[in-house]
Protein backbone atom coordinates (compact mmCIF):
# COMPACT_ATOMS: atom_id res chain seq x y z
CA MET A 1 -16.09 -14.71 10.47
CA ARG A 2 -18.80 -11.98 10.20
CA VAL A 3 -22.22 -12.55 11.86
CA ARG A 4 -25.04 -11.84 9.34
CA ASN A 5 -28.64 -11.57 10.23
CA PRO A 6 -30.80 -13.90 7.89
CA LEU A 7 -33.07 -10.97 7.45
CA SER A 8 -30.46 -8.60 6.17
CA ARG A 9 -30.19 -7.36 2.58
CA SER A 10 -28.32 -9.74 0.21
CA GLY A 11 -24.98 -8.33 -0.46
CA PRO A 12 -21.83 -7.59 1.59
CA ARG A 13 -21.83 -7.34 5.43
CA ARG A 14 -19.48 -4.73 7.00
CA ALA A 15 -18.48 -3.80 10.30
CA GLY A 16 -16.22 -1.17 11.00
CA ARG A 17 -15.61 2.46 10.49
CA VAL A 18 -15.31 4.50 13.50
CA ALA A 19 -12.77 7.45 13.67
CA ALA A 20 -13.03 11.19 13.70
CA THR A 21 -10.82 14.02 12.97
CA ALA A 22 -10.18 17.91 13.74
CA ALA A 23 -12.60 20.18 15.68
CA LEU A 24 -15.77 21.35 14.37
CA LEU A 25 -15.30 24.25 11.94
CA LEU A 26 -18.54 26.04 10.63
CA VAL A 27 -16.87 26.70 7.26
CA ALA A 28 -17.31 25.21 3.91
CA VAL A 29 -14.31 23.04 2.86
CA GLY A 30 -13.77 22.58 -0.87
CA ALA A 31 -12.76 19.05 -1.55
CA ALA A 32 -9.91 19.97 -3.85
CA PHE A 33 -10.83 17.46 -6.32
CA TRP A 34 -8.31 16.52 -9.10
CA PHE A 35 -10.28 17.52 -11.97
CA VAL A 36 -11.41 20.41 -14.02
CA ASP A 37 -15.24 20.40 -14.27
CA VAL A 38 -17.89 19.93 -11.60
CA ARG A 39 -20.93 18.20 -12.49
CA SER A 40 -24.22 17.16 -10.66
CA ALA A 41 -23.13 13.69 -10.28
CA VAL A 42 -19.86 14.56 -8.69
CA PRO A 43 -19.82 16.11 -5.26
CA ALA A 44 -18.78 19.84 -5.61
CA GLN A 45 -17.32 19.93 -2.03
CA ALA A 46 -17.08 17.99 1.11
CA LEU A 47 -19.80 17.92 3.87
CA GLY A 48 -18.46 21.22 4.83
CA ASN A 49 -18.16 20.95 8.70
CA GLY A 50 -14.43 20.92 8.92
CA LEU A 51 -14.12 17.30 9.94
CA ALA A 52 -11.95 14.65 8.40
CA LEU A 53 -9.76 16.96 6.44
CA THR A 54 -7.28 13.97 6.21
CA PRO A 55 -8.28 10.35 6.10
CA PRO A 56 -9.44 9.12 9.68
CA MET A 57 -6.83 6.89 11.52
CA GLY A 58 -7.64 4.49 14.29
CA TRP A 59 -8.74 1.03 15.11
CA ASN A 60 -11.90 -1.12 14.82
CA ASP A 61 -12.63 -4.30 16.83
CA TRP A 62 -14.62 -6.11 14.28
CA ASN A 63 -12.07 -7.88 12.00
CA ALA A 64 -10.20 -9.54 14.93
CA TYR A 65 -12.97 -9.99 17.33
CA GLY A 66 -16.44 -9.96 15.77
CA CYS A 67 -19.28 -9.63 18.24
CA ASN A 68 -16.73 -10.32 21.11
CA VAL A 69 -16.46 -6.64 21.82
CA SER A 70 -16.25 -5.19 25.41
CA GLU A 71 -15.29 -2.29 27.52
CA SER A 72 -12.23 -3.97 28.74
CA LEU A 73 -11.02 -4.70 25.21
CA VAL A 74 -11.54 -1.01 24.11
CA LYS A 75 -9.62 0.18 27.19
CA GLN A 76 -6.77 -2.18 26.65
CA THR A 77 -6.59 -1.30 22.87
CA ALA A 78 -6.66 2.47 23.79
CA ASP A 79 -3.74 1.82 26.26
CA LYS A 80 -1.80 -0.02 23.62
CA ILE A 81 -2.31 2.72 20.82
CA VAL A 82 -0.76 5.16 23.31
CA SER A 83 1.96 3.06 24.65
CA SER A 84 3.06 1.43 21.28
CA GLY A 85 3.42 5.18 19.81
CA LEU A 86 0.68 4.59 17.35
CA ALA A 87 -1.11 7.47 18.90
CA ALA A 88 1.98 9.73 18.40
CA ALA A 89 1.92 8.50 14.61
CA GLY A 90 -1.56 9.81 14.15
CA TYR A 91 -4.01 6.86 15.23
CA GLN A 92 -6.73 8.72 16.93
CA TYR A 93 -10.02 6.74 16.94
CA VAL A 94 -11.05 3.55 18.98
CA ASN A 95 -14.06 2.30 17.28
CA ILE A 96 -16.75 -0.01 18.65
CA ASP A 97 -18.47 -2.03 16.03
CA ASP A 98 -21.61 -4.14 16.01
CA CYS A 99 -22.87 -6.08 19.06
CA TRP A 100 -22.34 -3.32 21.78
CA MET A 101 -26.11 -2.79 22.58
CA GLN A 102 -28.94 -4.76 24.00
CA SER A 103 -31.44 -6.58 21.67
CA SER A 104 -34.19 -4.07 22.50
CA ARG A 105 -34.61 -0.39 23.02
CA ASP A 106 -35.89 0.91 26.65
CA ALA A 107 -39.39 2.00 27.40
CA ASN A 108 -38.60 5.45 25.87
CA GLY A 109 -37.26 3.93 22.65
CA ASN A 110 -33.55 4.74 23.51
CA LEU A 111 -30.63 2.37 22.60
CA GLN A 112 -29.20 0.62 25.59
CA PRO A 113 -25.63 -0.63 25.94
CA ASP A 114 -25.09 -4.17 26.93
CA PHE A 115 -23.99 -3.48 30.39
CA GLY A 116 -22.51 -6.96 30.72
CA LYS A 117 -19.84 -6.03 27.90
CA PHE A 118 -20.00 -2.23 29.02
CA PRO A 119 -20.41 -1.90 32.69
CA ASP A 120 -19.75 1.77 32.62
CA GLY A 121 -21.86 2.18 29.55
CA ILE A 122 -20.74 3.87 26.36
CA SER A 123 -20.30 7.26 28.11
CA GLY A 124 -17.93 5.63 30.63
CA THR A 125 -15.92 3.93 27.99
CA ALA A 126 -15.78 7.25 26.02
CA ALA A 127 -14.37 9.00 29.12
CA TYR A 128 -11.68 6.50 29.54
CA VAL A 129 -10.76 6.71 25.75
CA HIS A 130 -10.64 10.79 25.83
CA SER A 131 -8.57 10.60 29.04
CA LYS A 132 -5.90 8.87 26.79
CA GLY A 133 -6.18 11.71 24.27
CA LEU A 134 -7.98 9.55 21.90
CA LYS A 135 -11.62 9.53 20.42
CA LEU A 136 -14.32 7.02 20.50
CA GLY A 137 -16.27 5.73 17.60
CA ILE A 138 -19.71 3.70 17.49
CA TYR A 139 -21.47 1.57 15.05
CA GLU A 140 -25.23 1.57 14.00
CA ASP A 141 -27.19 0.74 10.95
CA ALA A 142 -29.44 2.60 8.64
CA GLY A 143 -32.07 -0.15 8.59
CA THR A 144 -34.42 -1.75 11.13
CA ALA A 145 -31.70 -3.89 12.65
CA THR A 146 -27.92 -4.09 12.59
CA CYS A 147 -26.15 -6.81 10.61
CA ALA A 148 -25.99 -8.87 13.85
CA GLY A 149 -29.75 -8.22 14.64
CA PHE A 150 -29.55 -5.44 17.14
CA PRO A 151 -31.81 -2.41 16.83
CA GLY A 152 -31.28 -0.20 13.77
CA SER A 153 -31.86 3.55 13.61
CA LEU A 154 -34.21 3.79 10.89
CA GLY A 155 -37.06 6.07 12.18
CA HIS A 156 -34.99 6.86 15.30
CA GLU A 157 -32.23 9.00 13.80
CA THR A 158 -32.59 12.03 15.91
CA GLN A 159 -33.17 10.17 19.16
CA ASP A 160 -30.10 8.03 18.36
CA ALA A 161 -27.84 10.78 17.34
CA GLN A 162 -28.68 12.59 20.54
CA SER A 163 -27.66 9.46 22.44
CA PHE A 164 -24.29 9.28 20.63
CA ALA A 165 -23.51 12.90 21.42
CA SER A 166 -24.68 12.59 24.98
CA TRP A 167 -22.27 9.69 25.46
CA GLY A 168 -19.26 11.64 23.91
CA VAL A 169 -19.07 9.66 20.74
CA ASP A 170 -16.81 11.12 18.01
CA TYR A 171 -17.40 8.99 14.98
CA LEU A 172 -20.34 7.03 13.58
CA LYS A 173 -20.02 4.12 11.23
CA TYR A 174 -23.52 3.66 9.66
CA ASP A 175 -24.21 0.26 8.06
CA ASN A 176 -26.78 -1.13 5.49
CA CYS A 177 -28.29 -4.29 6.79
CA ASN A 178 -32.01 -4.91 6.97
CA ASN A 179 -32.59 -1.71 4.96
CA ASN A 180 -36.36 -1.95 4.70
CA GLY A 181 -36.42 -2.46 0.96
CA SER A 182 -34.39 0.46 -0.11
CA SER A 183 -33.49 -0.13 -3.69
CA THR A 184 -32.90 3.29 -5.56
CA THR A 185 -30.07 5.53 -5.09
CA GLN A 186 -32.38 8.47 -3.88
CA GLN A 187 -33.72 6.21 -1.06
CA TYR A 188 -30.17 5.37 0.01
CA ILE A 189 -29.45 9.20 -0.04
CA ASN A 190 -32.57 9.98 1.67
CA ARG A 191 -31.83 7.28 4.66
CA TYR A 192 -28.14 8.36 4.96
CA SER A 193 -29.07 12.13 4.93
CA ALA A 194 -31.40 11.74 7.72
CA MET A 195 -28.65 10.58 10.09
CA ARG A 196 -26.42 13.33 8.73
CA ASP A 197 -28.94 15.91 9.67
CA ALA A 198 -29.59 14.29 13.05
CA LEU A 199 -25.71 14.34 13.84
CA ALA A 200 -25.46 17.87 12.86
CA ALA A 201 -28.39 18.94 15.02
CA THR A 202 -26.53 17.52 18.18
CA GLY A 203 -23.89 20.32 17.88
CA ARG A 204 -21.30 17.57 18.52
CA PRO A 205 -18.48 17.21 15.89
CA ILE A 206 -18.94 13.43 14.95
CA VAL A 207 -17.30 12.06 11.84
CA TYR A 208 -19.83 10.26 9.61
CA SER A 209 -18.73 7.06 7.79
CA ILE A 210 -21.27 5.71 5.25
CA CYS A 211 -21.15 1.96 4.72
CA GLU A 212 -23.52 0.83 1.96
CA TRP A 213 -20.74 -1.24 0.39
CA GLY A 214 -20.68 0.70 -2.78
CA VAL A 215 -24.13 -0.59 -3.90
CA ASN A 216 -25.33 2.72 -5.21
CA SER A 217 -21.98 4.33 -6.38
CA PRO A 218 -21.84 6.52 -3.23
CA TRP A 219 -18.71 8.21 -4.52
CA THR A 220 -21.10 10.15 -6.85
CA TRP A 221 -23.37 11.52 -4.01
CA ALA A 222 -21.94 10.96 -0.63
CA GLY A 223 -19.52 13.83 -0.52
CA ASN A 224 -22.06 16.08 1.05
CA VAL A 225 -23.78 13.59 3.16
CA GLY A 226 -20.83 11.84 4.97
CA HIS A 227 -17.13 12.13 5.32
CA LEU A 228 -16.11 8.83 3.95
CA TRP A 229 -18.01 6.05 2.16
CA ARG A 230 -17.47 2.27 1.63
CA THR A 231 -16.42 1.63 -2.08
CA THR A 232 -16.51 -2.15 -1.99
CA GLY A 233 -17.88 -5.17 -0.09
CA ASP A 234 -16.07 -6.71 3.01
CA ILE A 235 -12.46 -7.31 2.97
CA THR A 236 -10.83 -10.46 4.50
CA PRO A 237 -7.41 -11.22 5.54
CA THR A 238 -6.24 -12.79 2.28
CA TYR A 239 -4.26 -11.48 -0.56
CA SER A 240 -6.87 -12.12 -3.00
CA SER A 241 -9.51 -10.12 -1.18
CA MET A 242 -7.17 -7.33 -0.57
CA LEU A 243 -6.21 -7.32 -4.31
CA SER A 244 -9.83 -7.41 -5.49
CA ILE A 245 -10.73 -4.48 -3.32
CA PHE A 246 -7.76 -2.49 -4.40
CA HIS A 247 -8.83 -2.83 -8.03
CA GLN A 248 -12.35 -1.65 -7.16
CA ASN A 249 -11.18 1.33 -5.39
CA VAL A 250 -8.08 2.61 -7.38
CA GLY A 251 -10.12 4.18 -10.16
CA LEU A 252 -12.09 6.49 -8.02
CA ASP A 253 -9.44 9.15 -7.28
CA SER A 254 -11.46 11.95 -9.01
CA TYR A 255 -13.93 11.73 -6.11
CA ALA A 256 -11.73 11.99 -3.04
CA GLY A 257 -10.51 15.15 -1.41
CA PRO A 258 -10.22 16.67 2.07
CA GLY A 259 -13.36 15.88 4.18
CA ALA A 260 -14.52 13.35 1.56
CA TRP A 261 -12.76 9.97 1.20
CA ASN A 262 -13.17 6.61 -0.80
CA ASP A 263 -13.13 3.84 1.83
CA PRO A 264 -11.80 0.41 0.67
CA ASP A 265 -12.50 -1.09 4.15
CA MET A 266 -10.48 -1.59 7.17
CA LEU A 267 -6.84 -2.89 7.35
CA GLU A 268 -6.04 -6.58 7.66
CA VAL A 269 -2.59 -5.87 8.70
CA GLY A 270 -1.52 -8.47 11.35
CA ASN A 271 -4.54 -10.69 10.59
CA GLY A 272 -2.98 -13.35 8.63
CA MET A 273 -1.28 -12.21 5.37
CA SER A 274 2.33 -12.30 4.97
CA ALA A 275 4.49 -9.38 6.14
CA THR A 276 5.07 -8.40 2.52
CA GLU A 277 1.51 -8.57 1.76
CA ASP A 278 0.68 -6.38 5.02
CA ARG A 279 3.18 -3.78 3.85
CA THR A 280 1.59 -3.95 0.46
CA GLU A 281 -1.88 -3.26 1.85
CA PHE A 282 -0.73 -0.36 4.02
CA SER A 283 1.12 1.26 1.09
CA LEU A 284 -1.71 0.99 -1.31
CA TRP A 285 -4.18 2.28 1.29
CA ALA A 286 -1.95 5.09 2.02
CA GLN A 287 -1.35 5.86 -1.55
CA MET A 288 -5.20 5.90 -2.25
CA ALA A 289 -5.70 8.33 0.68
CA ALA A 290 -7.91 5.79 2.43
CA PRO A 291 -8.70 5.70 5.95
CA LEU A 292 -6.25 3.77 7.90
CA LEU A 293 -8.17 1.63 10.41
CA ALA A 294 -6.37 -1.08 12.03
CA GLY A 295 -8.50 -4.11 12.30
CA ASN A 296 -6.23 -6.55 14.37
CA ASN A 297 -5.44 -7.43 17.88
CA LEU A 298 -3.37 -4.57 18.84
CA VAL A 299 -2.86 -5.62 22.50
CA THR A 300 -0.98 -8.77 21.42
CA ALA A 301 0.47 -7.29 17.91
CA SER A 302 3.80 -8.34 16.97
CA ALA A 303 6.80 -6.07 16.64
CA THR A 304 6.63 -6.54 12.83
CA THR A 305 2.83 -5.55 12.75
CA LEU A 306 3.42 -2.54 14.87
CA SER A 307 6.19 -1.40 12.68
CA ILE A 308 4.07 -1.46 9.70
CA LEU A 309 1.22 0.22 11.21
CA GLY A 310 3.61 2.74 12.55
CA ASN A 311 5.57 3.74 9.35
CA THR A 312 5.40 7.45 9.76
CA SER A 313 6.88 8.08 6.30
CA VAL A 314 3.95 6.03 4.74
CA ILE A 315 1.39 7.65 7.05
CA ALA A 316 2.61 11.07 5.99
CA VAL A 317 1.53 10.26 2.44
CA ASP A 318 -1.80 9.08 3.49
CA GLN A 319 -2.31 12.15 5.63
CA ASP A 320 -0.77 14.70 3.22
CA SER A 321 -2.94 17.87 3.35
CA LEU A 322 -3.37 18.16 -0.36
CA GLY A 323 -5.72 15.40 -0.07
CA LYS A 324 -5.25 13.71 -3.55
CA GLN A 325 -5.98 10.12 -3.89
CA GLY A 326 -3.22 8.29 -6.03
CA ARG A 327 -3.97 7.30 -9.63
CA LEU A 328 -2.84 4.46 -11.81
CA VAL A 329 -0.11 5.75 -13.98
CA SER A 330 0.27 2.20 -15.64
CA SER A 331 -1.16 -1.27 -15.06
CA GLY A 332 -0.63 -4.20 -17.26
CA GLY A 333 0.33 -8.00 -16.67
CA GLY A 334 -0.23 -7.45 -13.00
CA LEU A 335 2.38 -4.63 -12.65
CA ASP A 336 0.98 -1.29 -11.44
CA VAL A 337 2.44 2.12 -10.97
CA LEU A 338 0.52 4.62 -8.93
CA ALA A 339 1.51 8.34 -8.39
CA LYS A 340 0.08 10.73 -5.72
CA PRO A 341 1.04 14.43 -5.70
CA LEU A 342 1.84 15.79 -2.23
CA ALA A 343 1.35 19.28 -0.81
CA ASN A 344 5.05 20.29 -0.79
CA GLY A 345 5.57 19.38 -4.44
CA ASP A 346 6.90 15.81 -3.93
CA VAL A 347 5.14 12.90 -5.57
CA SER A 348 4.79 9.53 -3.86
CA VAL A 349 4.98 6.43 -6.23
CA VAL A 350 4.19 2.93 -5.62
CA LEU A 351 5.42 0.07 -7.73
CA PHE A 352 3.12 -2.89 -7.02
CA ASN A 353 3.76 -6.44 -8.30
CA GLU A 354 0.56 -8.54 -8.24
CA ASN A 355 2.21 -11.59 -9.35
CA ALA A 356 3.82 -14.67 -7.95
CA SER A 357 7.28 -13.91 -8.74
CA THR A 358 9.72 -11.11 -8.38
CA ALA A 359 9.40 -8.43 -11.40
CA THR A 360 11.05 -5.41 -12.42
CA ILE A 361 8.54 -2.28 -12.56
CA SER A 362 9.55 0.89 -14.22
CA THR A 363 8.10 4.32 -14.75
CA THR A 364 9.43 7.77 -15.54
CA VAL A 365 9.40 11.24 -13.94
CA SER A 366 7.22 12.61 -16.57
CA ALA A 367 4.66 9.79 -16.16
CA ILE A 368 4.21 10.73 -12.48
CA GLY A 369 3.90 14.29 -13.35
CA LYS A 370 7.26 15.63 -12.48
CA SER A 371 9.43 17.90 -14.70
CA GLY A 372 11.95 20.72 -14.68
CA ALA A 373 15.07 19.21 -13.12
CA SER A 374 18.25 17.63 -14.21
CA SER A 375 17.93 14.96 -11.43
CA TYR A 376 15.37 13.91 -8.87
CA ALA A 377 15.84 12.37 -5.38
CA LEU A 378 14.13 9.14 -4.55
CA THR A 379 13.60 8.05 -0.74
CA ASP A 380 12.36 4.35 -0.24
CA LEU A 381 9.66 4.77 2.45
CA TRP A 382 10.22 1.23 3.80
CA THR A 383 13.91 1.13 3.83
CA GLY A 384 14.87 4.71 4.16
CA ALA A 385 17.48 4.31 1.28
CA THR A 386 18.00 7.28 -0.94
CA SER A 387 19.01 7.59 -4.59
CA THR A 388 18.67 9.87 -7.50
CA THR A 389 17.39 9.55 -11.01
CA THR A 390 17.38 11.67 -14.17
CA ASP A 391 14.29 9.93 -15.67
CA THR A 392 13.47 6.30 -14.98
CA ILE A 393 12.04 5.04 -11.66
CA SER A 394 12.51 1.31 -11.50
CA ALA A 395 12.88 -1.47 -8.96
CA ALA A 396 12.74 -5.22 -8.65
CA VAL A 397 9.54 -5.74 -6.74
CA PRO A 398 8.84 -8.94 -4.76
CA SER A 399 5.84 -11.17 -5.36
CA HIS A 400 2.81 -9.56 -3.96
CA GLY A 401 4.87 -6.71 -2.78
CA VAL A 402 5.57 -3.03 -3.32
CA VAL A 403 8.43 -0.52 -3.44
CA MET A 404 7.34 3.01 -2.43
CA TYR A 405 9.15 6.03 -3.27
CA ARG A 406 8.81 9.67 -2.41
CA VAL A 407 10.12 11.73 -5.39
CA ALA A 408 11.49 15.18 -4.90
CA GLY A 409 12.94 17.85 -7.27
CA GLY A 410 11.55 19.72 -10.19
CA SER A 411 8.05 20.85 -10.41
CA SER A 412 4.84 18.76 -10.06
CA THR A 413 2.02 19.17 -12.47
CA PRO A 414 -0.96 16.87 -11.54
CA PRO A 415 -3.06 15.72 -14.48
CA SER A 416 -6.44 17.07 -14.98
CA THR A 417 -9.68 15.08 -15.49
CA THR A 418 -12.34 16.17 -17.93
CA ILE A 419 -15.45 15.08 -19.96
CA LEU A 420 -14.82 14.84 -23.74
CA ARG A 421 -18.04 16.07 -25.42
CA GLY A 422 -18.33 15.44 -29.28
CA ALA A 423 -19.09 18.69 -30.99
CA GLY A 424 -21.16 16.91 -33.77
CA SER A 425 -23.16 14.72 -31.46
CA GLY A 426 -23.33 16.56 -28.15
CA ARG A 427 -22.57 13.31 -26.51
CA CYS A 428 -19.66 12.17 -24.38
CA LEU A 429 -16.64 9.86 -24.95
CA ASP A 430 -17.81 6.93 -22.80
CA ASP A 431 -16.43 3.56 -21.58
CA PRO A 432 -19.81 1.48 -22.09
CA ALA A 433 -21.20 0.30 -18.88
CA SER A 434 -18.05 1.06 -17.10
CA ASN A 435 -16.53 -2.04 -18.47
CA THR A 436 -12.82 -2.48 -17.64
CA THR A 437 -12.33 -5.64 -19.84
CA ASN A 438 -9.37 -4.95 -22.11
CA GLY A 439 -10.50 -4.35 -25.68
CA THR A 440 -13.77 -2.75 -24.87
CA GLN A 441 -14.42 -0.20 -27.53
CA ALA A 442 -15.24 3.35 -26.71
CA ILE A 443 -18.52 4.89 -27.70
CA ILE A 444 -20.64 8.09 -27.43
CA TRP A 445 -23.35 8.42 -24.86
CA ASP A 446 -25.51 11.07 -23.08
CA CYS A 447 -23.24 13.06 -20.80
CA ASN A 448 -23.98 12.05 -17.28
CA GLY A 449 -20.88 12.77 -15.20
CA GLY A 450 -20.25 9.09 -14.51
CA THR A 451 -16.71 7.75 -13.77
CA ASN A 452 -16.82 6.07 -17.24
CA GLN A 453 -16.86 9.50 -18.85
CA GLN A 454 -14.27 11.06 -16.76
CA TRP A 455 -10.85 11.02 -18.78
CA THR A 456 -7.72 11.90 -17.04
CA TYR A 457 -5.02 13.45 -19.34
CA THR A 458 -1.57 12.51 -17.71
CA GLY A 459 2.07 13.97 -18.15
CA ALA A 460 2.64 10.68 -20.35
CA LYS A 461 -0.06 11.97 -22.72
CA GLN A 462 -2.44 8.99 -21.67
CA LEU A 463 -6.13 9.35 -21.57
CA GLN A 464 -7.27 7.44 -18.55
CA VAL A 465 -10.60 6.20 -17.41
CA LEU A 466 -11.31 3.66 -14.46
CA GLY A 467 -7.61 2.96 -14.18
CA LYS A 468 -7.35 1.90 -17.91
CA CYS A 469 -5.98 3.75 -20.90
CA LEU A 470 -7.60 4.84 -24.11
CA ASP A 471 -5.62 2.68 -26.70
CA ALA A 472 -5.43 2.16 -30.48
CA ASN A 473 -6.42 -1.56 -30.81
CA ASN A 474 -3.39 -3.79 -31.53
CA ASN A 475 -0.95 -1.05 -32.26
CA GLN A 476 -2.79 -0.60 -35.54
CA THR A 477 -2.24 2.80 -37.40
CA ALA A 478 -4.92 2.35 -40.36
CA PRO A 479 -8.10 4.34 -40.64
CA GLY A 480 -10.87 2.31 -38.98
CA THR A 481 -8.62 1.05 -36.12
CA LYS A 482 -10.87 0.63 -32.98
CA VAL A 483 -10.31 2.99 -30.19
CA VAL A 484 -10.58 0.68 -26.93
CA ILE A 485 -9.57 0.84 -23.40
CA TRP A 486 -6.70 -1.34 -22.16
CA ASP A 487 -4.21 -1.80 -19.34
CA CYS A 488 -1.89 1.27 -19.41
CA ASN A 489 1.58 0.10 -20.76
CA GLY A 490 3.18 3.38 -21.86
CA GLY A 491 3.00 2.46 -25.56
CA THR A 492 2.78 5.10 -28.21
CA ASN A 493 -0.62 3.73 -29.13
CA GLN A 494 -1.88 4.91 -25.89
CA GLN A 495 -0.50 8.47 -26.13
CA TRP A 496 -2.74 11.21 -27.45
CA GLN A 497 -2.37 14.86 -28.39
CA LEU A 498 -5.15 17.08 -27.48
CA ASN A 499 -5.03 19.84 -30.07
CA ALA A 500 -6.16 23.48 -29.94
CA ASP A 501 -8.78 22.87 -32.69
CA GLY A 502 -10.66 20.28 -30.67
CA THR A 503 -9.23 17.12 -32.27
CA ILE A 504 -7.42 14.32 -30.52
CA THR A 505 -4.75 12.69 -32.57
CA GLY A 506 -2.88 9.49 -31.72
CA VAL A 507 0.89 10.04 -31.26
CA GLN A 508 1.59 6.69 -32.94
CA SER A 509 -0.65 7.05 -35.97
CA GLY A 510 -1.29 10.63 -36.46
CA LEU A 511 -5.16 9.80 -37.01
CA CYS A 512 -8.04 11.62 -35.25
CA VAL A 513 -10.40 10.04 -32.68
CA ASP A 514 -13.48 9.78 -34.96
CA VAL A 515 -17.14 9.11 -34.17
CA THR A 516 -17.95 6.46 -36.92
CA ASP A 517 -19.81 7.74 -39.97
CA ALA A 518 -20.58 10.97 -38.04
CA GLY A 519 -23.24 9.18 -36.08
CA THR A 520 -24.89 10.90 -33.19
CA ALA A 521 -26.76 8.18 -31.54
CA ASN A 522 -26.15 6.65 -28.08
CA GLY A 523 -23.85 3.63 -28.54
CA THR A 524 -22.02 4.84 -31.71
CA LEU A 525 -18.58 3.49 -31.81
CA VAL A 526 -15.43 5.42 -31.76
CA GLU A 527 -12.36 4.76 -34.20
CA LEU A 528 -9.43 6.22 -35.68
CA TRP A 529 -9.82 8.08 -38.96
CA THR A 530 -7.83 10.31 -41.21
CA CYS A 531 -8.24 13.73 -39.80
CA HIS A 532 -10.67 15.89 -42.12
CA GLY A 533 -11.84 18.68 -39.70
CA GLY A 534 -15.42 17.30 -39.32
CA THR A 535 -17.46 17.87 -36.32
CA ASN A 536 -17.34 14.16 -35.55
CA GLN A 537 -13.63 14.42 -34.91
CA LYS A 538 -13.85 17.54 -32.54
CA TRP A 539 -14.22 17.33 -28.92
CA THR A 540 -14.92 20.01 -26.19
CA ARG A 541 -13.35 19.62 -22.78
CA SER A 542 -15.20 20.77 -19.61
């Protein structure tokens, strides 16, 4: 159970992200985002210091131990990461969360370790972790106090960053409790940027994890502030919690890339879900290019838990150098298909069954972005079994489970993401208020670069937004049919042709996506209508 200070900001409490990656490279690194245009609301590149070019991997104490952290625990865990083979598999960071410090600063205003818990101090603990070939992470808070009530870094950013660097810290997880009344996005940006600048001034390469729980849509601004950012509230070791967090994170793929990662929170593998559910979480997190930070008791972890955390084939998908977050190809009735392009041209595919009984889930090679071959090789990343297909990718997937394939052969053409601006109105095709309820009718709205205006055009001719598909309502083909968002299901009423003249026509109906009555005001509804060449039926892409 997480400890929460009664003075903390209402909202999720999080503890945990401490991991670093790579050496300090003073070069700008493009985030290689999976979209066409770059707008002010979307990070144009990662922080640019060469760190976290793949999602951080490691361990954090909070989920299993809460405030019961100690030097002894950290050392034992570092030993187990090495002896179990997890270090060789890529786990690098041993992360200390909240409750490591004394309740007050010293006479000079410096943070003080709790020497009862850390007799050698943080520097001594770091030295031990480094001697194992690993790196050390630590926790602090961007407010006046941490979530457990220990001193926060607000107003002490430079001083605290210097302490972390002098102790040999490699990763900082920066939380959001007791945040001194910050309420606007700019206030959050300012607070988190202050620590970014303080860390940079130390000259030590320190991965910076922003943990404001997704409150102010950090995926839209945090790419040049930190290396990863929490997109959700806290995870708990239950299937329902894991599923909810998956749904919140999966539609944010256009914001992730090398050095800049969506963070759906730490892994709960080994903390109480079933082995099937543990494999599911590990697969989904890898497919979403998420940090892989174990949150369990590694010292006494079972062989099954260690085998899940140590699956190098799945880890390779997470750590792929192309840095693409997997996207939803289809989702409906609790049956999900995700595709993730890989650097060597392969595509990773996850078939995920959210439901309470076994179900068959299918997709096609074109839907995942593959083409150009007479057959394709499939490798099951959990069983190692191999097979071939000419088109269909299908499996019986257990309840709450996944089947995860690596698909080779042919060529891979990742879909592009774009905004669609109405030629007549100058406004953008928009999912109103980012509503993901099936049947929500599309509108036009001032172009703002939000995720609810970013449409991914897939190899299956779908237009996807926030993990949903643009849909001709109820398979109707008459003029006036509502254009809505719906769970992606592969139907022809969800297939669209982007034409050279700027029109978008429904494959099923042949009708054009039309701004009703040639309206130009914010909130004007979008429907299907007989194509007539008017500017209310033409869309520019950028």
